[in-house]
C-alpha atoms as a PDB file:
ATOM      1  CA  MET A   1      19.787  72.242 -70.427  1.00  0.00           C
ATOM      2  CA  PRO A   2      21.599  75.619 -70.687  1.00  0.00           C
ATOM      3  CA  PRO A   3      19.697  78.898 -69.386  1.00  0.00           C
ATOM      4  CA  SER A   4      18.183  80.702 -71.742  1.00  0.00           C
ATOM      5  CA  ARG A   5      19.749  84.344 -72.768  1.00  0.00           C
ATOM      6  CA  PRO A   6      17.273  86.438 -74.847  1.00  0.00           C
ATOM      7  CA  THR A   7      20.093  88.390 -76.899  1.00  0.00           C
ATOM      8  CA  ASP A   8      17.493  91.198 -76.970  1.00  0.00           C
ATOM      9  CA  ASP A   9      17.825  92.098 -73.603  1.00  0.00           C
ATOM     10  CA  ARG A  10      21.548  92.861 -73.680  1.00  0.00           C
ATOM     11  CA  VAL A  11      22.770  96.634 -73.581  1.00  0.00           C
ATOM     12  CA  PHE A  12      26.350  97.936 -74.011  1.00  0.00           C
ATOM     13  CA  ALA A  13      26.941 101.381 -74.156  1.00  0.00           C
ATOM     14  CA  GLY A  14      30.352 101.429 -75.690  1.00  0.00           C
ATOM     15  CA  VAL A  15      32.583 102.201 -72.735  1.00  0.00           C
ATOM     16  CA  GLY A  16      36.213 102.141 -73.353  1.00  0.00           C
ATOM     17  CA  ALA A  17      38.833 100.398 -71.278  1.00  0.00           C
ATOM     18  CA  THR A  18      39.376 102.165 -67.729  1.00  0.00           C
ATOM     19  CA  THR A  19      42.622 101.613 -65.550  1.00  0.00           C
ATOM     20  CA  ARG A  20      42.684  99.150 -63.107  1.00  0.00           C
ATOM     21  CA  PRO A  21      41.563 100.848 -59.429  1.00  0.00           C
ATOM     22  CA  GLY A  22      44.016 102.013 -57.158  1.00  0.00           C
ATOM     23  CA  PRO A  23      43.844 102.633 -53.154  1.00  0.00           C
ATOM     24  CA  ARG A  24      40.932 104.267 -52.342  1.00  0.00           C
ATOM     25  CA  ARG A  25      41.262 108.468 -51.494  1.00  0.00           C
ATOM     26  CA  VAL A  26      41.610 109.200 -47.820  1.00  0.00           C
ATOM     27  CA  GLY A  27      38.273 110.412 -46.492  1.00  0.00           C
ATOM     28  CA  GLY A  28      36.981 107.991 -44.128  1.00  0.00           C
ATOM     29  CA  LEU A  29      38.202 109.766 -41.333  1.00  0.00           C
ATOM     30  CA  ALA A  30      36.326 112.902 -42.192  1.00  0.00           C
ATOM     31  CA  GLY A  31      33.035 110.987 -42.832  1.00  0.00           C
ATOM     32  CA  ASP A  32      33.372 109.254 -39.426  1.00  0.00           C
ATOM     33  CA  VAL A  33      33.873 112.404 -37.734  1.00  0.00           C
ATOM     34  CA  ILE A  34      30.570 113.900 -39.084  1.00  0.00           C
ATOM     35  CA  VAL A  35      28.639 111.029 -38.322  1.00  0.00           C
ATOM     36  CA  GLY A  36      30.198 110.455 -35.145  1.00  0.00           C
ATOM     37  CA  VAL A  37      29.471 114.120 -34.112  1.00  0.00           C
ATOM     38  CA  LEU A  38      26.043 113.971 -35.456  1.00  0.00           C
ATOM     39  CA  GLY A  39      25.254 110.575 -33.410  1.00  0.00           C
ATOM     40  CA  GLY A  40      26.731 112.654 -30.169  1.00  0.00           C
ATOM     41  CA  ILE A  41      24.392 115.244 -30.790  1.00  0.00           C
ATOM     42  CA  PHE A  42      21.278 113.018 -31.002  1.00  0.00           C
ATOM     43  CA  ALA A  43      22.065 111.055 -28.098  1.00  0.00           C
ATOM     44  CA  LEU A  44      22.896 113.894 -25.866  1.00  0.00           C
ATOM     45  CA  VAL A  45      19.577 115.692 -27.184  1.00  0.00           C
ATOM     46  CA  GLY A  46      17.531 112.364 -26.392  1.00  0.00           C
ATOM     47  CA  LEU A  47      19.157 111.965 -22.977  1.00  0.00           C
ATOM     48  CA  ALA A  48      18.530 115.336 -21.781  1.00  0.00           C
ATOM     49  CA  LEU A  49      14.853 115.188 -23.123  1.00  0.00           C
ATOM     50  CA  LEU A  50      14.325 112.185 -21.178  1.00  0.00           C
ATOM     51  CA  ILE A  51      16.442 113.287 -18.064  1.00  0.00           C
ATOM     52  CA  PHE A  52      15.635 117.348 -17.750  1.00  0.00           C
ATOM     53  CA  VAL A  53      12.248 117.873 -19.827  1.00  0.00           C
ATOM     54  CA  ALA A  54       9.955 114.628 -19.505  1.00  0.00           C
ATOM     55  CA  PRO A  55       7.827 114.908 -16.571  1.00  0.00           C
ATOM     56  CA  ASP A  56       7.935 112.508 -13.512  1.00  0.00           C
ATOM     57  CA  PRO A  57       4.416 111.077 -13.658  1.00  0.00           C
ATOM     58  CA  ARG A  58       4.609 110.544  -9.787  1.00  0.00           C
ATOM     59  CA  HIS A  59       4.222 114.567  -9.564  1.00  0.00           C
ATOM     60  CA  ASP A  60       2.934 115.612 -12.632  1.00  0.00           C
ATOM     61  CA  GLY A  61      -0.592 115.498 -13.530  1.00  0.00           C
ATOM     62  CA  ALA A  62      -0.144 116.371 -17.129  1.00  0.00           C
ATOM     63  CA  PHE A  63       2.138 113.449 -17.916  1.00  0.00           C
ATOM     64  CA  ARG A  64      -0.154 112.293 -20.671  1.00  0.00           C
ATOM     65  CA  ASP A  65       0.246 115.722 -22.541  1.00  0.00           C
ATOM     66  CA  HIS A  66       4.192 114.758 -22.548  1.00  0.00           C
ATOM     67  CA  VAL A  67       4.208 111.362 -24.133  1.00  0.00           C
ATOM     68  CA  GLY A  68       5.758 112.729 -27.257  1.00  0.00           C
ATOM     69  CA  ILE A  69       8.585 114.203 -25.230  1.00  0.00           C
ATOM     70  CA  LEU A  70       9.458 110.643 -23.755  1.00  0.00           C
ATOM     71  CA  VAL A  71       8.885 109.105 -27.428  1.00  0.00           C
ATOM     72  CA  VAL A  72      11.257 111.839 -29.131  1.00  0.00           C
ATOM     73  CA  GLY A  73      13.766 111.421 -26.349  1.00  0.00           C
ATOM     74  CA  VAL A  74      13.921 107.557 -26.539  1.00  0.00           C
ATOM     75  CA  LEU A  75      14.249 107.670 -30.626  1.00  0.00           C
ATOM     76  CA  PHE A  76      16.906 110.598 -30.434  1.00  0.00           C
ATOM     77  CA  THR A  77      18.927 108.563 -27.833  1.00  0.00           C
ATOM     78  CA  LEU A  78      18.632 105.240 -30.057  1.00  0.00           C
ATOM     79  CA  VAL A  79      19.613 106.975 -33.499  1.00  0.00           C
ATOM     80  CA  GLY A  80      22.564 108.633 -31.879  1.00  0.00           C
ATOM     81  CA  CYS A  81      23.567 105.290 -30.211  1.00  0.00           C
ATOM     82  CA  GLY A  82      22.966 103.746 -33.537  1.00  0.00           C
ATOM     83  CA  LEU A  83      25.173 106.224 -35.558  1.00  0.00           C
ATOM     84  CA  LEU A  84      28.204 105.783 -33.126  1.00  0.00           C
ATOM     85  CA  ALA A  85      27.804 102.164 -33.508  1.00  0.00           C
ATOM     86  CA  LEU A  86      27.591 102.682 -37.284  1.00  0.00           C
ATOM     87  CA  VAL A  87      31.056 104.699 -37.073  1.00  0.00           C
ATOM     88  CA  VAL A  88      32.803 101.825 -35.070  1.00  0.00           C
ATOM     89  CA  HIS A  89      31.658  98.914 -37.609  1.00  0.00           C
ATOM     90  CA  ALA A  90      32.828 101.093 -40.476  1.00  0.00           C
ATOM     91  CA  ARG A  91      36.106 101.844 -39.043  1.00  0.00           C
ATOM     92  CA  GLY A  92      36.667  98.270 -38.217  1.00  0.00           C
ATOM     93  CA  THR A  93      35.615  97.270 -41.900  1.00  0.00           C
ATOM     94  CA  ARG A  94      38.091  99.963 -43.165  1.00  0.00           C
ATOM     95  CA  ARG A  95      40.657  98.270 -41.364  1.00  0.00           C
ATOM     96  CA  GLY A  96      40.112  95.085 -42.437  1.00  0.00           C
ATOM     97  CA  GLU A  97      40.119  96.345 -46.221  1.00  0.00           C
ATOM     98  CA  ALA A  98      43.555  98.050 -45.638  1.00  0.00           C
ATOM     99  CA  ALA A  99      44.888  94.879 -44.448  1.00  0.00           C
ATOM    100  CA  LEU A 100      43.807  92.888 -47.557  1.00  0.00           C
ATOM    101  CA  ARG A 101      45.280  95.823 -50.095  1.00  0.00           C
ATOM    102  CA  ALA A 102      48.340  95.481 -48.288  1.00  0.00           C
ATOM    103  CA  ARG A 103      48.528  91.626 -48.573  1.00  0.00           C
ATOM    104  CA  TYR A 104      46.992  91.553 -52.050  1.00  0.00           C
ATOM    105  CA  PRO A 105      48.400  95.069 -53.912  1.00  0.00           C
ATOM    106  CA  ASP A 106      47.732  93.864 -57.300  1.00  0.00           C
ATOM    107  CA  GLU A 107      44.560  91.916 -56.775  1.00  0.00           C
ATOM    108  CA  PRO A 108      41.776  94.502 -56.219  1.00  0.00           C
ATOM    109  CA  TRP A 109      39.243  91.683 -56.343  1.00  0.00           C
ATOM    110  CA  MET A 110      40.781  90.488 -53.140  1.00  0.00           C
ATOM    111  CA  TRP A 111      40.513  93.959 -51.007  1.00  0.00           C
ATOM    112  CA  LYS A 112      36.855  93.080 -49.745  1.00  0.00           C
ATOM    113  CA  PRO A 113      36.658  90.611 -47.327  1.00  0.00           C
ATOM    114  CA  ASP A 114      33.533  88.870 -48.893  1.00  0.00           C
ATOM    115  CA  TRP A 115      35.125  89.077 -52.371  1.00  0.00           C
ATOM    116  CA  ALA A 116      38.265  87.561 -50.364  1.00  0.00           C
ATOM    117  CA  ALA A 117      36.131  84.749 -49.175  1.00  0.00           C
ATOM    118  CA  GLY A 118      34.062  83.955 -52.413  1.00  0.00           C
ATOM    119  CA  GLU A 119      31.055  84.179 -50.487  1.00  0.00           C
ATOM    120  CA  LEU A 120      28.376  87.109 -50.267  1.00  0.00           C
ATOM    121  CA  ARG A 121      25.638  87.315 -48.101  1.00  0.00           C
ATOM    122  CA  GLY A 122      22.334  88.828 -49.378  1.00  0.00           C
ATOM    123  CA  SER A 123      20.765  92.035 -47.816  1.00  0.00           C
ATOM    124  CA  ALA A 124      17.178  90.828 -46.975  1.00  0.00           C
ATOM    125  CA  ARG A 125      17.510  91.224 -43.214  1.00  0.00           C
ATOM    126  CA  ALA A 126      19.495  94.425 -43.255  1.00  0.00           C
ATOM    127  CA  ASN A 127      16.656  95.567 -45.505  1.00  0.00           C
ATOM    128  CA  ALA A 128      14.024  94.476 -43.054  1.00  0.00           C
ATOM    129  CA  VAL A 129      15.942  96.355 -39.798  1.00  0.00           C
ATOM    130  CA  LEU A 130      16.359  99.759 -42.069  1.00  0.00           C
ATOM    131  CA  ALA A 131      12.659  99.519 -43.299  1.00  0.00           C
ATOM    132  CA  TRP A 132      11.116  98.669 -39.783  1.00  0.00           C
ATOM    133  CA  SER A 133      13.785 101.676 -38.246  1.00  0.00           C
ATOM    134  CA  VAL A 134      12.572 104.372 -40.826  1.00  0.00           C
ATOM    135  CA  ALA A 135       8.910 103.345 -40.187  1.00  0.00           C
ATOM    136  CA  LEU A 136       9.029 103.319 -36.466  1.00  0.00           C
ATOM    137  CA  VAL A 137      10.878 106.730 -36.166  1.00  0.00           C
ATOM    138  CA  TRP A 138       8.923 108.613 -38.727  1.00  0.00           C
ATOM    139  CA  ASN A 139       5.425 107.062 -37.078  1.00  0.00           C
ATOM    140  CA  ALA A 140       6.495 107.593 -33.682  1.00  0.00           C
ATOM    141  CA  ILE A 141       7.267 111.046 -34.328  1.00  0.00           C
ATOM    142  CA  SER A 142       4.329 111.869 -36.600  1.00  0.00           C
ATOM    143  CA  TRP A 143       1.409 110.200 -34.893  1.00  0.00           C
ATOM    144  CA  PRO A 144       1.759 111.986 -31.764  1.00  0.00           C
ATOM    145  CA  MET A 145       1.116 115.352 -33.482  1.00  0.00           C
ATOM    146  CA  LEU A 146      -2.110 114.192 -34.870  1.00  0.00           C
ATOM    147  CA  PRO A 147      -4.499 115.237 -32.036  1.00  0.00           C
ATOM    148  CA  ARG A 148      -3.194 118.793 -32.087  1.00  0.00           C
ATOM    149  CA  LEU A 149      -3.271 118.837 -35.976  1.00  0.00           C
ATOM    150  CA  LEU A 150      -6.998 117.764 -35.779  1.00  0.00           C
ATOM    151  CA  GLU A 151      -7.872 120.213 -33.025  1.00  0.00           C
ATOM    152  CA  GLU A 152      -6.019 123.148 -35.210  1.00  0.00           C
ATOM    153  CA  MET A 153      -8.361 121.859 -38.203  1.00  0.00           C
ATOM    154  CA  ARG A 154     -11.538 122.092 -36.309  1.00  0.00           C
ATOM    155  CA  GLY A 155     -10.495 125.672 -35.230  1.00  0.00           C
ATOM    156  CA  GLY A 156     -10.379 126.686 -39.100  1.00  0.00           C
ATOM    157  CA  ASN A 157      -6.693 126.469 -39.403  1.00  0.00           C
ATOM    158  CA  THR A 158      -7.044 124.554 -43.091  1.00  0.00           C
ATOM    159  CA  ALA A 159      -2.702 124.439 -43.303  1.00  0.00           C
ATOM    160  CA  ALA A 160      -2.877 122.043 -40.803  1.00  0.00           C
ATOM    161  CA  ALA A 161      -4.467 119.478 -43.306  1.00  0.00           C
ATOM    162  CA  LEU A 162      -1.007 119.200 -44.710  1.00  0.00           C
ATOM    163  CA  GLY A 163       0.456 118.006 -41.506  1.00  0.00           C
ATOM    164  CA  VAL A 164      -2.060 115.005 -41.536  1.00  0.00           C
ATOM    165  CA  LEU A 165       0.033 113.791 -44.683  1.00  0.00           C
ATOM    166  CA  PHE A 166       2.833 112.706 -42.384  1.00  0.00           C
ATOM    167  CA  PRO A 167       0.931 110.025 -40.539  1.00  0.00           C
ATOM    168  CA  ALA A 168      -0.419 108.973 -43.767  1.00  0.00           C
ATOM    169  CA  VAL A 169       3.339 108.506 -45.094  1.00  0.00           C
ATOM    170  CA  GLY A 170       4.133 106.663 -42.138  1.00  0.00           C
ATOM    171  CA  ILE A 171       1.321 104.256 -43.055  1.00  0.00           C
ATOM    172  CA  GLY A 172       2.976 103.820 -46.381  1.00  0.00           C
ATOM    173  CA  LEU A 173       6.154 102.957 -44.496  1.00  0.00           C
ATOM    174  CA  LEU A 174       5.122 100.477 -41.991  1.00  0.00           C
ATOM    175  CA  ALA A 175       3.477  98.422 -45.423  1.00  0.00           C
ATOM    176  CA  TRP A 176       7.221  98.698 -46.916  1.00  0.00           C
ATOM    177  CA  ALA A 177       8.788  97.338 -43.233  1.00  0.00           C
ATOM    178  CA  LEU A 178       6.034  95.035 -43.435  1.00  0.00           C
ATOM    179  CA  LEU A 179       6.752  93.499 -46.597  1.00  0.00           C
ATOM    180  CA  ALA A 180      10.475  93.590 -46.190  1.00  0.00           C
ATOM    181  CA  ALA A 181      10.183  91.744 -42.865  1.00  0.00           C
ATOM    182  CA  VAL A 182       8.043  88.825 -44.998  1.00  0.00           C
ATOM    183  CA  ARG A 183      10.655  88.514 -47.699  1.00  0.00           C
ATOM    184  CA  ALA A 184      13.236  88.092 -44.875  1.00  0.00           C
ATOM    185  CA  ARG A 185      11.263  85.405 -43.203  1.00  0.00           C
ATOM    186  CA  ARG A 186       9.881  83.606 -46.259  1.00  0.00           C
ATOM    187  CA  PHE A 187      13.561  83.552 -48.241  1.00  0.00           C
ATOM    188  CA  GLY A 188      15.776  83.664 -45.397  1.00  0.00           C
ATOM    189  CA  VAL A 189      19.162  85.393 -46.463  1.00  0.00           C
ATOM    190  CA  ALA A 190      20.614  84.533 -49.710  1.00  0.00           C
ATOM    191  CA  VAL A 191      24.085  83.687 -50.188  1.00  0.00           C
ATOM    192  CA  LEU A 192      26.102  84.266 -53.265  1.00  0.00           C
ATOM    193  CA  THR A 193      28.984  81.763 -54.161  1.00  0.00           C
ATOM    194  CA  LEU A 194      31.497  83.050 -56.609  1.00  0.00           C
ATOM    195  CA  ASP A 195      32.854  80.398 -59.199  1.00  0.00           C
ATOM    196  CA  THR A 196      34.790  83.129 -61.193  1.00  0.00           C
ATOM    197  CA  ARG A 197      37.094  85.357 -58.686  1.00  0.00           C
ATOM    198  CA  PRO A 198      36.714  87.858 -60.378  1.00  0.00           C
ATOM    199  CA  GLY A 199      34.328  87.745 -63.087  1.00  0.00           C
ATOM    200  CA  ARG A 200      36.737  88.691 -66.298  1.00  0.00           C
ATOM    201  CA  ILE A 201      35.894  91.514 -69.017  1.00  0.00           C
ATOM    202  CA  GLY A 202      36.368  89.590 -71.910  1.00  0.00           C
ATOM    203  CA  GLY A 203      35.867  86.236 -70.183  1.00  0.00           C
ATOM    204  CA  ARG A 204      32.910  85.191 -68.117  1.00  0.00           C
ATOM    205  CA  PHE A 205      31.195  85.401 -64.578  1.00  0.00           C
ATOM    206  CA  SER A 206      29.911  82.627 -63.091  1.00  0.00           C
ATOM    207  CA  ALA A 207      28.270  82.009 -59.396  1.00  0.00           C
ATOM    208  CA  ARG A 208      25.324  80.447 -57.603  1.00  0.00           C
ATOM    209  CA  VAL A 209      22.620  82.126 -55.719  1.00  0.00           C
ATOM    210  CA  GLU A 210      21.300  79.783 -52.685  1.00  0.00           C
ATOM    211  CA  THR A 211      18.271  81.071 -51.278  1.00  0.00           C
ATOM    212  CA  GLY A 212      18.010  80.991 -47.332  1.00  0.00           C
ATOM    213  CA  ARG A 213      15.003  78.602 -47.503  1.00  0.00           C
ATOM    214  CA  PRO A 214      13.398  76.498 -50.639  1.00  0.00           C
ATOM    215  CA  LEU A 215      11.538  78.065 -53.427  1.00  0.00           C
ATOM    216  CA  PRO A 216       8.477  76.410 -54.480  1.00  0.00           C
ATOM    217  CA  ARG A 217       9.145  73.562 -57.188  1.00  0.00           C
ATOM    218  CA  ASP A 218       7.378  75.345 -60.215  1.00  0.00           C
ATOM    219  CA  ALA A 219       9.222  78.617 -59.348  1.00  0.00           C
ATOM    220  CA  GLY A 220      11.435  80.328 -62.282  1.00  0.00           C
ATOM    221  CA  ALA A 221      13.837  83.188 -61.596  1.00  0.00           C
ATOM    222  CA  THR A 222      15.382  86.058 -63.404  1.00  0.00           C
ATOM    223  CA  LEU A 223      19.152  86.609 -62.867  1.00  0.00           C
ATOM    224  CA  ARG A 224      20.566  90.232 -64.236  1.00  0.00           C
ATOM    225  CA  LEU A 225      24.221  91.163 -64.424  1.00  0.00           C
ATOM    226  CA  VAL A 226      24.538  95.076 -64.904  1.00  0.00           C
ATOM    227  CA  CYS A 227      27.329  97.409 -64.642  1.00  0.00           C
ATOM    228  CA  VAL A 228      26.395 100.977 -63.565  1.00  0.00           C
ATOM    229  CA  ARG A 229      28.378 103.974 -63.175  1.00  0.00           C
ATOM    230  CA  ARG A 230      27.227 105.918 -59.929  1.00  0.00           C
ATOM    231  CA  ALA A 231      28.058 109.777 -60.189  1.00  0.00           C
ATOM    232  CA  THR A 232      27.483 111.861 -57.267  1.00  0.00           C
ATOM    233  CA  THR A 233      27.168 115.738 -57.545  1.00  0.00           C
ATOM    234  CA  GLY A 234      26.555 118.345 -55.312  1.00  0.00           C
ATOM    235  CA  ALA A 235      26.722 119.220 -51.710  1.00  0.00           C
ATOM    236  CA  GLY A 236      25.062 119.083 -48.637  1.00  0.00           C
ATOM    237  CA  LYS A 237      21.104 118.947 -48.893  1.00  0.00           C
ATOM    238  CA  SER A 238      21.472 119.296 -52.792  1.00  0.00           C
ATOM    239  CA  ARG A 239      23.838 116.326 -52.997  1.00  0.00           C
ATOM    240  CA  ARG A 240      22.515 113.621 -55.515  1.00  0.00           C
ATOM    241  CA  SER A 241      23.610 110.184 -56.962  1.00  0.00           C
ATOM    242  CA  HIS A 242      22.516 109.114 -60.245  1.00  0.00           C
ATOM    243  CA  ASP A 243      23.235 105.587 -61.748  1.00  0.00           C
ATOM    244  CA  THR A 244      23.902 104.984 -65.434  1.00  0.00           C
ATOM    245  CA  VAL A 245      23.525 101.394 -67.015  1.00  0.00           C
ATOM    246  CA  LEU A 246      26.610 100.897 -68.884  1.00  0.00           C
ATOM    247  CA  TRP A 247      25.928  97.100 -69.721  1.00  0.00           C
ATOM    248  CA  GLU A 248      23.678  94.402 -68.723  1.00  0.00           C
ATOM    249  CA  ASP A 249      22.377  91.077 -69.472  1.00  0.00           C
ATOM    250  CA  ARG A 250      19.940  88.574 -67.942  1.00  0.00           C
ATOM    251  CA  ILE A 251      19.293  84.947 -67.517  1.00  0.00           C
ATOM    252  CA  GLU A 252      15.752  83.540 -67.387  1.00  0.00           C
ATOM    253  CA  LEU A 253      15.891  80.256 -65.289  1.00  0.00           C
ATOM    254  CA  ALA A 254      13.042  77.694 -65.690  1.00  0.00           C
ATOM    255  CA  ALA A 255      11.808  75.648 -62.898  1.00  0.00           C
ATOM    256  CA  GLY A 256      13.679  72.650 -64.052  1.00  0.00           C
ATOM    257  CA  GLN A 257      16.915  74.860 -64.182  1.00  0.00           C
ATOM    258  CA  LEU A 258      17.094  75.486 -60.696  1.00  0.00           C
ATOM    259  CA  GLY A 259      18.908  73.344 -58.226  1.00  0.00           C
ATOM    260  CA  ARG A 260      18.464  72.162 -54.667  1.00  0.00           C
ATOM    261  CA  GLY A 261      21.304  73.615 -51.935  1.00  0.00           C
ATOM    262  CA  VAL A 262      22.358  72.905 -48.448  1.00  0.00           C
ATOM    263  CA  ARG A 263      19.674  75.513 -47.079  1.00  0.00           C
ATOM    264  CA  GLY A 264      17.532  76.173 -50.168  1.00  0.00           C
ATOM    265  CA  THR A 265      17.277  76.668 -53.923  1.00  0.00           C
ATOM    266  CA  LEU A 266      20.327  77.215 -56.129  1.00  0.00           C
ATOM    267  CA  LEU A 267      19.857  79.701 -58.960  1.00  0.00           C
ATOM    268  CA  PRO A 268      23.035  79.433 -61.219  1.00  0.00           C
ATOM    269  CA  ALA A 269      24.558  82.022 -63.186  1.00  0.00           C
ATOM    270  CA  THR A 270      26.826  82.422 -65.951  1.00  0.00           C
ATOM    271  CA  PHE A 271      27.363  85.251 -68.262  1.00  0.00           C
ATOM    272  CA  GLU A 272      29.754  86.243 -70.751  1.00  0.00           C
ATOM    273  CA  ILE A 273      31.458  89.773 -70.468  1.00  0.00           C
ATOM    274  CA  PRO A 274      32.147  91.664 -73.639  1.00  0.00           C
ATOM    275  CA  GLU A 275      35.729  93.505 -73.934  1.00  0.00           C
ATOM    276  CA  GLY A 276      35.354  97.224 -73.481  1.00  0.00           C
ATOM    277  CA  CYS A 277      33.364  97.269 -70.449  1.00  0.00           C
ATOM    278  CA  PRO A 278      34.781  99.257 -67.385  1.00  0.00           C
ATOM    279  CA  PRO A 279      36.015  97.044 -64.404  1.00  0.00           C
ATOM    280  CA  SER A 280      34.749  97.666 -60.765  1.00  0.00           C
ATOM    281  CA  ASP A 281      36.151 100.951 -59.564  1.00  0.00           C
ATOM    282  CA  ASP A 282      35.859 102.905 -56.329  1.00  0.00           C
ATOM    283  CA  THR A 283      38.602 104.902 -56.626  1.00  0.00           C
ATOM    284  CA  HIS A 284      36.499 107.957 -56.533  1.00  0.00           C
ATOM    285  CA  PRO A 285      33.551 108.018 -54.414  1.00  0.00           C
ATOM    286  CA  ASP A 286      31.936 110.414 -56.588  1.00  0.00           C
ATOM    287  CA  ASP A 287      32.479 108.663 -59.753  1.00  0.00           C
ATOM    288  CA  ARG A 288      32.342 104.661 -59.027  1.00  0.00           C
ATOM    289  CA  VAL A 289      31.766 101.806 -61.411  1.00  0.00           C
ATOM    290  CA  LEU A 290      29.707  98.926 -59.861  1.00  0.00           C
ATOM    291  CA  TRP A 291      28.820  95.493 -60.917  1.00  0.00           C
ATOM    292  CA  ARG A 292      25.823  93.897 -59.570  1.00  0.00           C
ATOM    293  CA  LEU A 293      23.954  90.668 -59.865  1.00  0.00           C
ATOM    294  CA  GLU A 294      20.265  90.667 -58.927  1.00  0.00           C
ATOM    295  CA  ALA A 295      17.962  87.613 -58.489  1.00  0.00           C
ATOM    296  CA  ARG A 296      14.675  87.806 -58.690  1.00  0.00           C
ATOM    297  CA  ALA A 297      11.548  85.406 -58.535  1.00  0.00           C
ATOM    298  CA  GLU A 298       7.909  86.297 -58.816  1.00  0.00           C
ATOM    299  CA  LEU A 299       5.842  84.426 -56.690  1.00  0.00           C
ATOM    300  CA  PRO A 300       2.242  84.521 -55.123  1.00  0.00           C
ATOM    301  CA  GLY A 301       2.516  86.919 -51.712  1.00  0.00           C
ATOM    302  CA  ALA A 302       5.941  88.662 -51.674  1.00  0.00           C
ATOM    303  CA  ASP A 303       8.604  88.225 -54.553  1.00  0.00           C
ATOM    304  CA  LEU A 304      12.378  87.186 -53.852  1.00  0.00           C
ATOM    305  CA  VAL A 305      14.453  90.341 -54.433  1.00  0.00           C
ATOM    306  CA  THR A 306      17.867  90.425 -54.136  1.00  0.00           C
ATOM    307  CA  HIS A 307      21.264  91.532 -55.187  1.00  0.00           C
ATOM    308  CA  PHE A 308      24.931  91.764 -54.662  1.00  0.00           C
ATOM    309  CA  GLU A 309      27.735  93.633 -55.396  1.00  0.00           C
ATOM    310  CA  VAL A 310      30.402  91.526 -57.347  1.00  0.00           C
ATOM    311  CA  PRO A 311      33.941  92.091 -58.679  1.00  0.00           C
ATOM    312  CA  VAL A 312      34.594  92.342 -62.372  1.00  0.00           C
ATOM    313  CA  PHE A 313      38.281  93.048 -63.522  1.00  0.00           C
ATOM    314  CA  ARG A 314      40.470  93.089 -66.555  1.00  0.00           C
ATOM    315  CA  THR A 315      42.897  90.442 -65.892  1.00  0.00           C
ATOM    316  CA  THR A 316      45.552  88.834 -67.679  1.00  0.00           C
END
């Protein structure tokens, strides 16, 4: 039985044809320098707090009053080292992409290593790591402040009540991190295998999503292919990104339409892409066109939610 495809879910914004993406603008070095400098500052400040500011418990009886300094020092050091590691990873990734662009100058769908391999990995574990990192940093900074805030409130400082919101937000972040961890453990890392490389405008996009662990036998799933234009405006703290949906289509898969894979459950996806849609384009970092395949299954407890950035181009 072919997958059901409700026609009323289709959206097409009437976007005209665009040119094939060319090489990306040079801007990675400046970003690496900024992130590297920030990472170095965080690491140095954290080490300075640990070495010169934090008290020695053998000689300072007020060690308990300075636990916050130790926590902040450790966090700053970890964040700084993480940013430096991110720079090293990003530079290695760009070198690999540059080699692929040189090897396939007229095939932009081969410029990314995962696109070239025809296999994309989901972001469940990365999302869980990010969620826990944010939650732990936020809570480690906000909770040591709580006793002092409560003392200020008892002294009549009503403005200190606003500071209590920070630990409250931390509880929400911990819940978010816990949900991300449950999803990563329950479903594993999903893998998308491209059957069409690339997906063709005026043709079709076909792929298979395999979950890291099997879904329940009675589970259904929804697959959504969406084209968005991501525009970034402003600078500094006022820099904002906004996504505009240019086209989308979705497939509803019933339990009998899901297959069995090597590791988990297979979700087949085949979409017809009409003429006039814009191709994948990251030539301009502040005005990008992205194609995304999203997979979702509503289940008791935690839902399966994963997405992949996929190559869709106009080919001869």
